[in-house]
């Protein structure tokens, strides 16, 4: 078990503080998994402290630049460093998956978006890239999913896991 896997270890990372808001019921293990994922990404890429608003909602709908709307699993709102996780959407879309694993991937993905913003390399507006079809192939998206698989490996080092997003494949098989 990695040191990030222990809830007690979260308290040894004072540079990542969480304000958690639950708009939907969330098991404590799911909340902890999300915090561990965010902490893992932050510790790998940043040295400065951060306060993250972690919001658990049922569903999230974003406005795309072409005037349509899209339901998403998670989102990053740079105003106030908010990471939103859509619990019911994730469960509906990925009914065969274990929710804590999926939340780790989504939380870590959005944490990398926070890192990108903080280092001055923000991703293009998701509403634009989703509307024009370039979202899945964007470099920022690839980095975010790579951080997600790295965080997954930190939290669940004994598990092998792989998935694809767009033309990119991600796997814990190469992880040490």
N, C-alpha and C. Protein backbone atom coordinates (compact mmCIF):
# COMPACT_ATOMS: atom_id res chain seq x y z
N UNK A 1 0.85 -1.18 0.00
CA UNK A 1 0.00 0.00 0.00
C UNK A 1 0.89 1.24 0.00
N UNK A 2 0.64 2.18 -0.88
CA UNK A 2 1.46 3.39 -0.95
C UNK A 2 1.11 4.30 0.20
N UNK A 3 2.02 5.23 0.49
CA UNK A 3 1.75 6.14 1.60
C UNK A 3 0.55 7.04 1.32
N UNK A 4 0.25 7.29 0.06
CA UNK A 4 -0.93 8.09 -0.25
C UNK A 4 -2.22 7.32 0.02
N UNK A 5 -2.14 6.02 0.14
CA UNK A 5 -3.34 5.21 0.35
C UNK A 5 -3.89 5.33 1.75
N UNK A 6 -3.11 5.80 2.66
CA UNK A 6 -3.54 5.90 4.04
C UNK A 6 -4.20 7.26 4.30
N UNK A 7 -5.45 7.26 4.82
CA UNK A 7 -6.09 8.55 5.11
C UNK A 7 -5.29 9.40 6.09
N UNK A 8 -4.57 8.75 7.00
CA UNK A 8 -3.76 9.50 7.95
C UNK A 8 -2.67 10.30 7.24
N UNK A 9 -2.20 9.78 6.11
CA UNK A 9 -1.12 10.45 5.40
C UNK A 9 -1.57 11.75 4.74
N UNK A 10 -2.86 11.87 4.48
CA UNK A 10 -3.34 13.12 3.87
C UNK A 10 -3.01 14.31 4.75
N UNK A 11 -3.04 14.11 6.07
CA UNK A 11 -2.78 15.22 6.98
C UNK A 11 -1.32 15.65 6.95
N UNK A 12 -0.41 14.83 6.41
CA UNK A 12 0.99 15.22 6.33
C UNK A 12 1.28 16.07 5.10
N UNK A 13 0.27 16.35 4.30
CA UNK A 13 0.43 17.19 3.13
C UNK A 13 -0.32 18.50 3.35
N UNK A 14 0.24 19.39 4.18
CA UNK A 14 -0.50 20.61 4.51
C UNK A 14 -0.71 21.55 3.34
N UNK A 15 0.05 21.36 2.25
CA UNK A 15 -0.10 22.29 1.13
C UNK A 15 -1.34 22.02 0.29
N UNK A 16 -2.08 20.97 0.57
CA UNK A 16 -3.33 20.71 -0.13
C UNK A 16 -4.44 20.68 0.91
N UNK A 17 -5.28 21.70 0.88
CA UNK A 17 -6.39 21.80 1.82
C UNK A 17 -7.69 21.65 1.04
N UNK A 18 -8.65 20.98 1.62
CA UNK A 18 -9.92 20.72 0.95
C UNK A 18 -11.08 21.34 1.70
N UNK A 19 -11.93 21.99 0.93
CA UNK A 19 -13.25 22.38 1.39
C UNK A 19 -14.20 21.52 0.57
N UNK A 20 -14.88 20.59 1.24
CA UNK A 20 -15.71 19.61 0.54
C UNK A 20 -17.18 20.00 0.65
N UNK A 21 -17.84 19.99 -0.49
CA UNK A 21 -19.28 20.28 -0.56
C UNK A 21 -19.96 19.09 -1.22
N UNK A 22 -20.95 18.56 -0.54
CA UNK A 22 -21.66 17.39 -1.05
C UNK A 22 -23.09 17.78 -1.42
N UNK A 23 -23.34 17.87 -2.72
CA UNK A 23 -24.68 18.14 -3.22
C UNK A 23 -25.42 16.84 -3.45
N UNK A 24 -24.71 15.74 -3.25
CA UNK A 24 -25.24 14.38 -3.36
C UNK A 24 -24.52 13.54 -2.31
N UNK A 25 -25.17 12.50 -1.84
CA UNK A 25 -24.56 11.63 -0.83
C UNK A 25 -23.32 10.94 -1.40
N UNK A 26 -22.23 10.98 -0.64
CA UNK A 26 -20.97 10.38 -1.06
C UNK A 26 -20.40 9.60 0.13
N UNK A 27 -20.04 8.37 -0.14
CA UNK A 27 -19.41 7.54 0.90
C UNK A 27 -18.07 8.16 1.29
N UNK A 28 -17.67 8.04 2.56
CA UNK A 28 -16.37 8.58 2.98
C UNK A 28 -15.19 8.03 2.18
N UNK A 29 -15.27 6.77 1.74
CA UNK A 29 -14.17 6.21 0.96
C UNK A 29 -14.03 6.89 -0.40
N UNK A 30 -15.14 7.34 -0.96
CA UNK A 30 -15.12 8.04 -2.25
C UNK A 30 -14.51 9.43 -2.06
N UNK A 31 -14.92 10.10 -1.01
CA UNK A 31 -14.36 11.43 -0.71
C UNK A 31 -12.85 11.33 -0.49
N UNK A 32 -12.43 10.34 0.28
CA UNK A 32 -11.00 10.14 0.53
C UNK A 32 -10.25 9.83 -0.75
N UNK A 33 -10.82 8.98 -1.59
CA UNK A 33 -10.17 8.64 -2.87
C UNK A 33 -9.95 9.89 -3.72
N UNK A 34 -10.94 10.75 -3.79
CA UNK A 34 -10.81 11.99 -4.57
C UNK A 34 -9.71 12.87 -3.99
N UNK A 35 -9.68 13.01 -2.68
CA UNK A 35 -8.65 13.83 -2.04
C UNK A 35 -7.26 13.25 -2.27
N UNK A 36 -7.14 11.94 -2.19
CA UNK A 36 -5.85 11.30 -2.43
C UNK A 36 -5.38 11.54 -3.87
N UNK A 37 -6.29 11.45 -4.82
CA UNK A 37 -5.94 11.66 -6.22
C UNK A 37 -5.45 13.08 -6.46
N UNK A 38 -6.17 14.04 -5.93
CA UNK A 38 -5.79 15.44 -6.09
C UNK A 38 -4.44 15.70 -5.43
N UNK A 39 -4.25 15.16 -4.24
CA UNK A 39 -2.99 15.33 -3.52
C UNK A 39 -1.84 14.71 -4.29
N UNK A 40 -2.04 13.54 -4.86
CA UNK A 40 -1.00 12.88 -5.64
C UNK A 40 -0.54 13.75 -6.79
N UNK A 41 -1.47 14.28 -7.54
CA UNK A 41 -1.13 15.14 -8.69
C UNK A 41 -0.43 16.41 -8.23
N UNK A 42 -0.98 17.03 -7.21
CA UNK A 42 -0.41 18.28 -6.72
C UNK A 42 1.03 18.08 -6.25
N UNK A 43 1.28 17.02 -5.50
CA UNK A 43 2.62 16.76 -4.97
C UNK A 43 3.64 16.49 -6.08
N UNK A 44 3.20 15.93 -7.19
CA UNK A 44 4.12 15.63 -8.29
C UNK A 44 4.51 16.88 -9.08
N UNK A 45 3.63 17.86 -9.12
CA UNK A 45 3.84 18.97 -10.04
C UNK A 45 4.01 20.34 -9.39
N UNK A 46 3.65 20.47 -8.13
CA UNK A 46 3.65 21.80 -7.51
C UNK A 46 4.34 21.77 -6.15
N UNK A 47 4.86 22.92 -5.76
CA UNK A 47 5.49 23.06 -4.45
C UNK A 47 4.74 24.03 -3.56
N UNK A 48 3.84 24.80 -4.14
CA UNK A 48 3.11 25.81 -3.37
C UNK A 48 1.81 25.23 -2.80
N UNK A 49 1.31 25.83 -1.74
CA UNK A 49 0.05 25.34 -1.16
C UNK A 49 -1.15 25.65 -2.05
N UNK A 50 -2.21 24.91 -1.83
CA UNK A 50 -3.45 25.14 -2.57
C UNK A 50 -4.63 24.79 -1.67
N UNK A 51 -5.70 25.48 -1.89
CA UNK A 51 -6.96 25.16 -1.23
C UNK A 51 -7.95 24.83 -2.33
N UNK A 52 -8.43 23.59 -2.35
CA UNK A 52 -9.31 23.10 -3.40
C UNK A 52 -10.72 22.97 -2.86
N UNK A 53 -11.66 23.53 -3.61
CA UNK A 53 -13.07 23.28 -3.32
C UNK A 53 -13.45 22.02 -4.09
N UNK A 54 -13.69 20.95 -3.37
CA UNK A 54 -14.07 19.66 -3.97
C UNK A 54 -15.58 19.53 -3.83
N UNK A 55 -16.25 19.50 -4.97
CA UNK A 55 -17.71 19.51 -4.98
C UNK A 55 -18.22 18.21 -5.61
N UNK A 56 -19.03 17.49 -4.87
CA UNK A 56 -19.66 16.28 -5.38
C UNK A 56 -21.10 16.62 -5.74
N UNK A 57 -21.44 16.41 -7.00
CA UNK A 57 -22.78 16.70 -7.50
C UNK A 57 -23.36 15.43 -8.12
N UNK A 58 -24.62 15.49 -8.43
CA UNK A 58 -25.27 14.38 -9.11
C UNK A 58 -24.86 14.37 -10.58
N UNK A 59 -25.10 15.47 -11.29
CA UNK A 59 -24.78 15.62 -12.71
C UNK A 59 -24.16 16.99 -12.94
N UNK A 60 -23.36 17.11 -13.96
CA UNK A 60 -22.77 18.38 -14.37
C UNK A 60 -23.05 18.58 -15.85
N UNK A 61 -23.55 19.75 -16.19
CA UNK A 61 -23.82 20.10 -17.58
C UNK A 61 -23.04 21.37 -17.89
N UNK A 62 -22.28 21.33 -18.98
CA UNK A 62 -21.53 22.52 -19.38
C UNK A 62 -22.07 23.04 -20.70
N UNK A 63 -21.93 24.34 -20.87
CA UNK A 63 -22.33 24.99 -22.12
C UNK A 63 -21.16 24.95 -23.09
N UNK A 64 -21.41 24.48 -24.29
CA UNK A 64 -20.39 24.46 -25.33
C UNK A 64 -20.49 25.75 -26.15
N UNK A 65 -19.39 26.11 -26.77
CA UNK A 65 -19.35 27.36 -27.53
C UNK A 65 -20.24 27.36 -28.75
N UNK A 66 -20.68 26.18 -29.20
CA UNK A 66 -21.57 26.12 -30.36
C UNK A 66 -23.04 26.25 -29.95
N UNK A 67 -23.28 26.54 -28.66
CA UNK A 67 -24.64 26.73 -28.17
C UNK A 67 -25.31 25.49 -27.61
N UNK A 68 -24.65 24.34 -27.74
CA UNK A 68 -25.21 23.11 -27.18
C UNK A 68 -24.71 22.91 -25.76
N UNK A 69 -25.21 21.89 -25.11
CA UNK A 69 -24.80 21.55 -23.76
C UNK A 69 -24.30 20.12 -23.75
N UNK A 70 -23.44 19.79 -22.79
CA UNK A 70 -22.93 18.43 -22.67
C UNK A 70 -22.86 18.06 -21.19
N UNK A 71 -23.25 16.83 -20.90
CA UNK A 71 -23.13 16.30 -19.55
C UNK A 71 -21.74 15.70 -19.42
N UNK A 72 -21.03 16.04 -18.33
CA UNK A 72 -19.66 15.58 -18.13
C UNK A 72 -19.51 14.85 -16.81
N UNK A 73 -18.48 14.01 -16.72
CA UNK A 73 -18.19 13.27 -15.49
C UNK A 73 -17.61 14.15 -14.40
N UNK A 74 -16.82 15.13 -14.83
CA UNK A 74 -16.15 16.01 -13.88
C UNK A 74 -15.81 17.30 -14.59
N UNK A 75 -15.46 18.30 -13.80
CA UNK A 75 -15.10 19.59 -14.38
C UNK A 75 -14.17 20.32 -13.43
N UNK A 76 -13.39 21.20 -14.01
CA UNK A 76 -12.52 22.08 -13.24
C UNK A 76 -12.98 23.50 -13.49
N UNK A 77 -13.22 24.23 -12.43
CA UNK A 77 -13.59 25.63 -12.54
C UNK A 77 -12.46 26.44 -11.94
N UNK A 78 -11.71 27.18 -12.78
CA UNK A 78 -10.55 27.90 -12.28
C UNK A 78 -10.89 29.03 -11.30
N UNK A 79 -12.13 29.46 -11.30
CA UNK A 79 -12.54 30.48 -10.34
C UNK A 79 -12.68 29.82 -8.98
N UNK A 80 -11.75 30.07 -8.09
CA UNK A 80 -11.80 29.49 -6.76
C UNK A 80 -11.22 28.09 -6.69
N UNK A 81 -10.56 27.64 -7.74
CA UNK A 81 -9.91 26.33 -7.75
C UNK A 81 -10.89 25.23 -7.34
N UNK A 82 -11.95 25.10 -8.10
CA UNK A 82 -13.01 24.14 -7.82
C UNK A 82 -12.87 22.91 -8.72
N UNK A 83 -12.99 21.75 -8.11
CA UNK A 83 -13.04 20.49 -8.83
C UNK A 83 -14.40 19.87 -8.53
N UNK A 84 -15.15 19.62 -9.59
CA UNK A 84 -16.50 19.08 -9.45
C UNK A 84 -16.54 17.66 -9.99
N UNK A 85 -17.16 16.77 -9.24
CA UNK A 85 -17.27 15.37 -9.63
C UNK A 85 -18.75 15.01 -9.68
N UNK A 86 -19.21 14.49 -10.83
CA UNK A 86 -20.62 14.14 -11.03
C UNK A 86 -20.82 12.65 -10.72
N UNK A 87 -21.16 12.35 -9.50
CA UNK A 87 -21.25 10.98 -9.02
C UNK A 87 -22.28 10.16 -9.81
N UNK A 88 -23.49 10.67 -9.97
CA UNK A 88 -24.52 9.90 -10.66
C UNK A 88 -24.19 9.72 -12.14
N UNK A 89 -23.62 10.72 -12.78
CA UNK A 89 -23.23 10.59 -14.18
C UNK A 89 -22.17 9.50 -14.34
N UNK A 90 -21.17 9.51 -13.48
CA UNK A 90 -20.12 8.48 -13.55
C UNK A 90 -20.74 7.10 -13.37
N UNK A 91 -21.61 6.97 -12.38
CA UNK A 91 -22.24 5.67 -12.11
C UNK A 91 -23.10 5.22 -13.29
N UNK A 92 -23.84 6.12 -13.90
CA UNK A 92 -24.69 5.78 -15.03
C UNK A 92 -23.87 5.39 -16.26
N UNK A 93 -22.79 6.10 -16.52
CA UNK A 93 -21.98 5.84 -17.71
C UNK A 93 -21.08 4.63 -17.57
N UNK A 94 -20.68 4.34 -16.37
CA UNK A 94 -19.68 3.28 -16.13
C UNK A 94 -20.18 2.34 -15.04
N UNK A 95 -21.33 1.75 -15.27
CA UNK A 95 -21.97 0.92 -14.24
C UNK A 95 -21.13 -0.29 -13.84
N UNK A 96 -20.26 -0.75 -14.69
CA UNK A 96 -19.44 -1.91 -14.35
C UNK A 96 -18.19 -1.53 -13.56
N UNK A 97 -17.87 -0.26 -13.51
CA UNK A 97 -16.65 0.17 -12.83
C UNK A 97 -16.85 0.40 -11.35
N UNK A 98 -15.77 0.30 -10.60
CA UNK A 98 -15.82 0.61 -9.19
C UNK A 98 -15.75 2.13 -9.03
N UNK A 99 -16.69 2.68 -8.30
CA UNK A 99 -16.82 4.13 -8.20
C UNK A 99 -15.56 4.79 -7.66
N UNK A 100 -14.92 4.20 -6.65
CA UNK A 100 -13.73 4.86 -6.11
C UNK A 100 -12.61 4.93 -7.15
N UNK A 101 -12.46 3.91 -7.99
CA UNK A 101 -11.44 3.95 -9.04
C UNK A 101 -11.75 5.06 -10.05
N UNK A 102 -13.01 5.13 -10.44
CA UNK A 102 -13.40 6.14 -11.43
C UNK A 102 -13.29 7.55 -10.87
N UNK A 103 -13.62 7.73 -9.60
CA UNK A 103 -13.49 9.04 -8.98
C UNK A 103 -12.02 9.44 -8.89
N UNK A 104 -11.14 8.50 -8.59
CA UNK A 104 -9.70 8.79 -8.57
C UNK A 104 -9.27 9.32 -9.93
N UNK A 105 -9.67 8.64 -10.99
CA UNK A 105 -9.28 9.08 -12.33
C UNK A 105 -9.81 10.47 -12.66
N UNK A 106 -11.08 10.71 -12.35
CA UNK A 106 -11.68 12.01 -12.66
C UNK A 106 -11.08 13.13 -11.81
N UNK A 107 -10.90 12.89 -10.51
CA UNK A 107 -10.35 13.92 -9.62
C UNK A 107 -8.91 14.25 -10.02
N UNK A 108 -8.12 13.24 -10.32
CA UNK A 108 -6.73 13.48 -10.73
C UNK A 108 -6.67 14.23 -12.06
N UNK A 109 -7.54 13.86 -12.98
CA UNK A 109 -7.62 14.56 -14.28
C UNK A 109 -7.86 16.04 -14.05
N UNK A 110 -8.84 16.37 -13.23
CA UNK A 110 -9.16 17.78 -12.98
C UNK A 110 -8.07 18.47 -12.17
N UNK A 111 -7.39 17.72 -11.29
CA UNK A 111 -6.28 18.31 -10.54
C UNK A 111 -5.16 18.73 -11.48
N UNK A 112 -4.92 17.94 -12.52
CA UNK A 112 -3.89 18.32 -13.49
C UNK A 112 -4.30 19.58 -14.24
N UNK A 113 -5.60 19.75 -14.47
CA UNK A 113 -6.07 20.99 -15.09
C UNK A 113 -5.77 22.18 -14.17
N UNK A 114 -5.94 21.97 -12.87
CA UNK A 114 -5.61 23.01 -11.90
C UNK A 114 -4.11 23.33 -11.96
N UNK A 115 -3.28 22.31 -12.02
CA UNK A 115 -1.83 22.51 -12.14
C UNK A 115 -1.51 23.28 -13.42
N UNK A 116 -2.12 22.89 -14.53
CA UNK A 116 -1.87 23.59 -15.79
C UNK A 116 -2.18 25.08 -15.67
N UNK A 117 -3.28 25.39 -15.02
CA UNK A 117 -3.65 26.79 -14.82
C UNK A 117 -2.62 27.50 -13.95
N UNK A 118 -2.22 26.87 -12.86
CA UNK A 118 -1.30 27.50 -11.91
C UNK A 118 0.08 27.76 -12.50
N UNK A 119 0.52 26.91 -13.44
CA UNK A 119 1.85 27.11 -14.02
C UNK A 119 1.80 28.00 -15.27
N UNK A 120 0.63 28.53 -15.57
CA UNK A 120 0.50 29.43 -16.71
C UNK A 120 0.35 28.73 -18.04
N UNK A 121 -0.11 27.49 -18.02
CA UNK A 121 -0.31 26.71 -19.24
C UNK A 121 -1.74 26.17 -19.26
N UNK A 122 -2.72 27.06 -19.19
CA UNK A 122 -4.10 26.58 -19.11
C UNK A 122 -4.55 25.92 -20.41
N UNK A 123 -5.40 24.92 -20.25
CA UNK A 123 -5.97 24.25 -21.42
C UNK A 123 -6.91 25.20 -22.14
N UNK A 124 -7.10 24.99 -23.43
CA UNK A 124 -8.12 25.79 -24.13
C UNK A 124 -9.48 25.55 -23.47
N UNK A 125 -10.36 26.49 -23.61
CA UNK A 125 -11.69 26.37 -23.02
C UNK A 125 -12.35 25.08 -23.49
N UNK A 126 -12.78 24.26 -22.54
CA UNK A 126 -13.38 22.97 -22.88
C UNK A 126 -14.59 23.13 -23.78
N UNK A 127 -15.36 24.18 -23.56
CA UNK A 127 -16.54 24.41 -24.39
C UNK A 127 -16.19 24.61 -25.85
N UNK A 128 -15.02 25.18 -26.10
CA UNK A 128 -14.56 25.38 -27.47
C UNK A 128 -14.05 24.08 -28.07
N UNK A 129 -13.16 23.41 -27.36
CA UNK A 129 -12.54 22.21 -27.92
C UNK A 129 -13.53 21.04 -28.02
N UNK A 130 -14.51 20.98 -27.12
CA UNK A 130 -15.53 19.93 -27.23
C UNK A 130 -16.42 20.21 -28.44
N UNK A 131 -16.76 21.48 -28.64
CA UNK A 131 -17.64 21.83 -29.76
C UNK A 131 -16.96 21.61 -31.11
N UNK A 132 -15.64 21.89 -31.19
CA UNK A 132 -14.97 21.74 -32.48
C UNK A 132 -14.32 20.36 -32.67
N UNK A 133 -14.47 19.47 -31.69
CA UNK A 133 -14.00 18.09 -31.84
C UNK A 133 -12.53 17.85 -31.54
N UNK A 134 -11.81 18.83 -31.00
CA UNK A 134 -10.39 18.65 -30.72
C UNK A 134 -10.09 18.31 -29.26
N UNK A 135 -11.10 18.25 -28.43
CA UNK A 135 -10.91 18.07 -26.98
C UNK A 135 -10.13 16.81 -26.64
N UNK A 136 -10.51 15.67 -27.17
CA UNK A 136 -9.88 14.40 -26.79
C UNK A 136 -8.43 14.28 -27.22
N UNK A 137 -8.04 15.03 -28.23
CA UNK A 137 -6.67 14.94 -28.74
C UNK A 137 -5.77 16.08 -28.27
N UNK A 138 -6.30 16.99 -27.49
CA UNK A 138 -5.53 18.14 -27.01
C UNK A 138 -4.40 17.68 -26.08
N UNK A 139 -3.26 18.31 -26.18
CA UNK A 139 -2.11 17.99 -25.32
C UNK A 139 -2.47 18.09 -23.85
N UNK A 140 -3.23 19.09 -23.48
CA UNK A 140 -3.62 19.27 -22.08
C UNK A 140 -4.47 18.11 -21.58
N UNK A 141 -5.33 17.62 -22.46
CA UNK A 141 -6.18 16.47 -22.11
C UNK A 141 -5.32 15.23 -21.92
N UNK A 142 -4.36 15.02 -22.80
CA UNK A 142 -3.45 13.89 -22.68
C UNK A 142 -2.68 13.97 -21.36
N UNK A 143 -2.14 15.14 -21.03
CA UNK A 143 -1.42 15.31 -19.77
C UNK A 143 -2.32 15.01 -18.57
N UNK A 144 -3.56 15.46 -18.65
CA UNK A 144 -4.50 15.25 -17.54
C UNK A 144 -4.79 13.76 -17.35
N UNK A 145 -4.98 13.02 -18.44
CA UNK A 145 -5.23 11.59 -18.30
C UNK A 145 -3.98 10.84 -17.87
N UNK A 146 -2.81 11.30 -18.29
CA UNK A 146 -1.58 10.66 -17.81
C UNK A 146 -1.43 10.87 -16.31
N UNK A 147 -1.76 12.06 -15.84
CA UNK A 147 -1.73 12.30 -14.39
C UNK A 147 -2.76 11.43 -13.67
N UNK A 148 -3.89 11.20 -14.31
CA UNK A 148 -4.92 10.35 -13.71
C UNK A 148 -4.41 8.92 -13.52
N UNK A 149 -3.75 8.38 -14.54
CA UNK A 149 -3.25 7.01 -14.42
C UNK A 149 -2.09 6.95 -13.43
N UNK A 150 -1.28 8.00 -13.37
CA UNK A 150 -0.19 8.04 -12.38
C UNK A 150 -0.75 8.08 -10.96
N UNK A 151 -1.77 8.89 -10.73
CA UNK A 151 -2.40 8.97 -9.40
C UNK A 151 -3.03 7.63 -9.05
N UNK A 152 -3.68 7.00 -10.02
CA UNK A 152 -4.26 5.69 -9.79
C UNK A 152 -3.18 4.71 -9.32
N UNK A 153 -2.02 4.74 -9.98
CA UNK A 153 -0.91 3.86 -9.60
C UNK A 153 -0.39 4.17 -8.21
N UNK A 154 -0.39 5.44 -7.83
CA UNK A 154 0.04 5.83 -6.48
C UNK A 154 -0.91 5.28 -5.42
N UNK A 155 -2.19 5.36 -5.70
CA UNK A 155 -3.20 4.98 -4.71
C UNK A 155 -3.45 3.48 -4.70
N UNK A 156 -3.41 2.86 -5.86
CA UNK A 156 -3.65 1.42 -6.00
C UNK A 156 -2.46 0.77 -6.70
N UNK A 157 -1.30 0.74 -6.07
CA UNK A 157 -0.09 0.27 -6.76
C UNK A 157 -0.14 -1.18 -7.20
N UNK A 158 -0.97 -1.97 -6.58
CA UNK A 158 -1.03 -3.39 -6.91
C UNK A 158 -1.96 -3.71 -8.08
N UNK A 159 -2.74 -2.74 -8.51
CA UNK A 159 -3.73 -2.99 -9.56
C UNK A 159 -3.21 -2.63 -10.95
N UNK A 160 -3.56 -3.44 -11.91
CA UNK A 160 -3.30 -3.12 -13.30
C UNK A 160 -4.59 -2.55 -13.87
N UNK A 161 -4.47 -1.44 -14.59
CA UNK A 161 -5.64 -0.76 -15.09
C UNK A 161 -5.26 -0.08 -16.39
N UNK A 162 -6.18 -0.10 -17.35
CA UNK A 162 -5.92 0.59 -18.62
C UNK A 162 -7.23 1.08 -19.21
N UNK A 163 -7.10 2.13 -19.99
CA UNK A 163 -8.26 2.70 -20.68
C UNK A 163 -7.75 3.55 -21.83
N UNK A 164 -8.67 3.92 -22.70
CA UNK A 164 -8.35 4.77 -23.85
C UNK A 164 -9.25 5.99 -23.83
N UNK A 165 -8.68 7.09 -24.26
CA UNK A 165 -9.43 8.33 -24.47
C UNK A 165 -8.99 8.88 -25.81
N UNK A 166 -9.94 8.99 -26.73
CA UNK A 166 -9.56 9.39 -28.09
C UNK A 166 -8.60 8.36 -28.65
N UNK A 167 -7.49 8.82 -29.22
CA UNK A 167 -6.51 7.90 -29.78
C UNK A 167 -5.40 7.55 -28.79
N UNK A 168 -5.51 8.02 -27.55
CA UNK A 168 -4.48 7.78 -26.55
C UNK A 168 -4.86 6.62 -25.63
N UNK A 169 -3.86 5.79 -25.32
CA UNK A 169 -4.05 4.66 -24.41
C UNK A 169 -3.26 4.94 -23.13
N UNK A 170 -3.85 4.59 -22.00
CA UNK A 170 -3.23 4.81 -20.70
C UNK A 170 -3.24 3.49 -19.94
N UNK A 171 -2.14 3.20 -19.25
CA UNK A 171 -2.02 1.92 -18.59
C UNK A 171 -1.10 2.02 -17.38
N UNK A 172 -1.43 1.26 -16.34
CA UNK A 172 -0.55 1.16 -15.20
C UNK A 172 0.53 0.10 -15.42
N UNK A 173 0.48 -0.62 -16.52
CA UNK A 173 1.42 -1.72 -16.78
C UNK A 173 2.87 -1.26 -16.78
N UNK A 174 3.14 -0.05 -17.21
CA UNK A 174 4.52 0.44 -17.26
C UNK A 174 4.95 1.10 -15.97
N UNK A 175 4.06 1.20 -15.01
CA UNK A 175 4.36 1.88 -13.75
C UNK A 175 5.20 1.00 -12.85
N UNK A 176 6.04 1.62 -12.06
CA UNK A 176 6.84 0.88 -11.08
C UNK A 176 6.16 0.97 -9.74
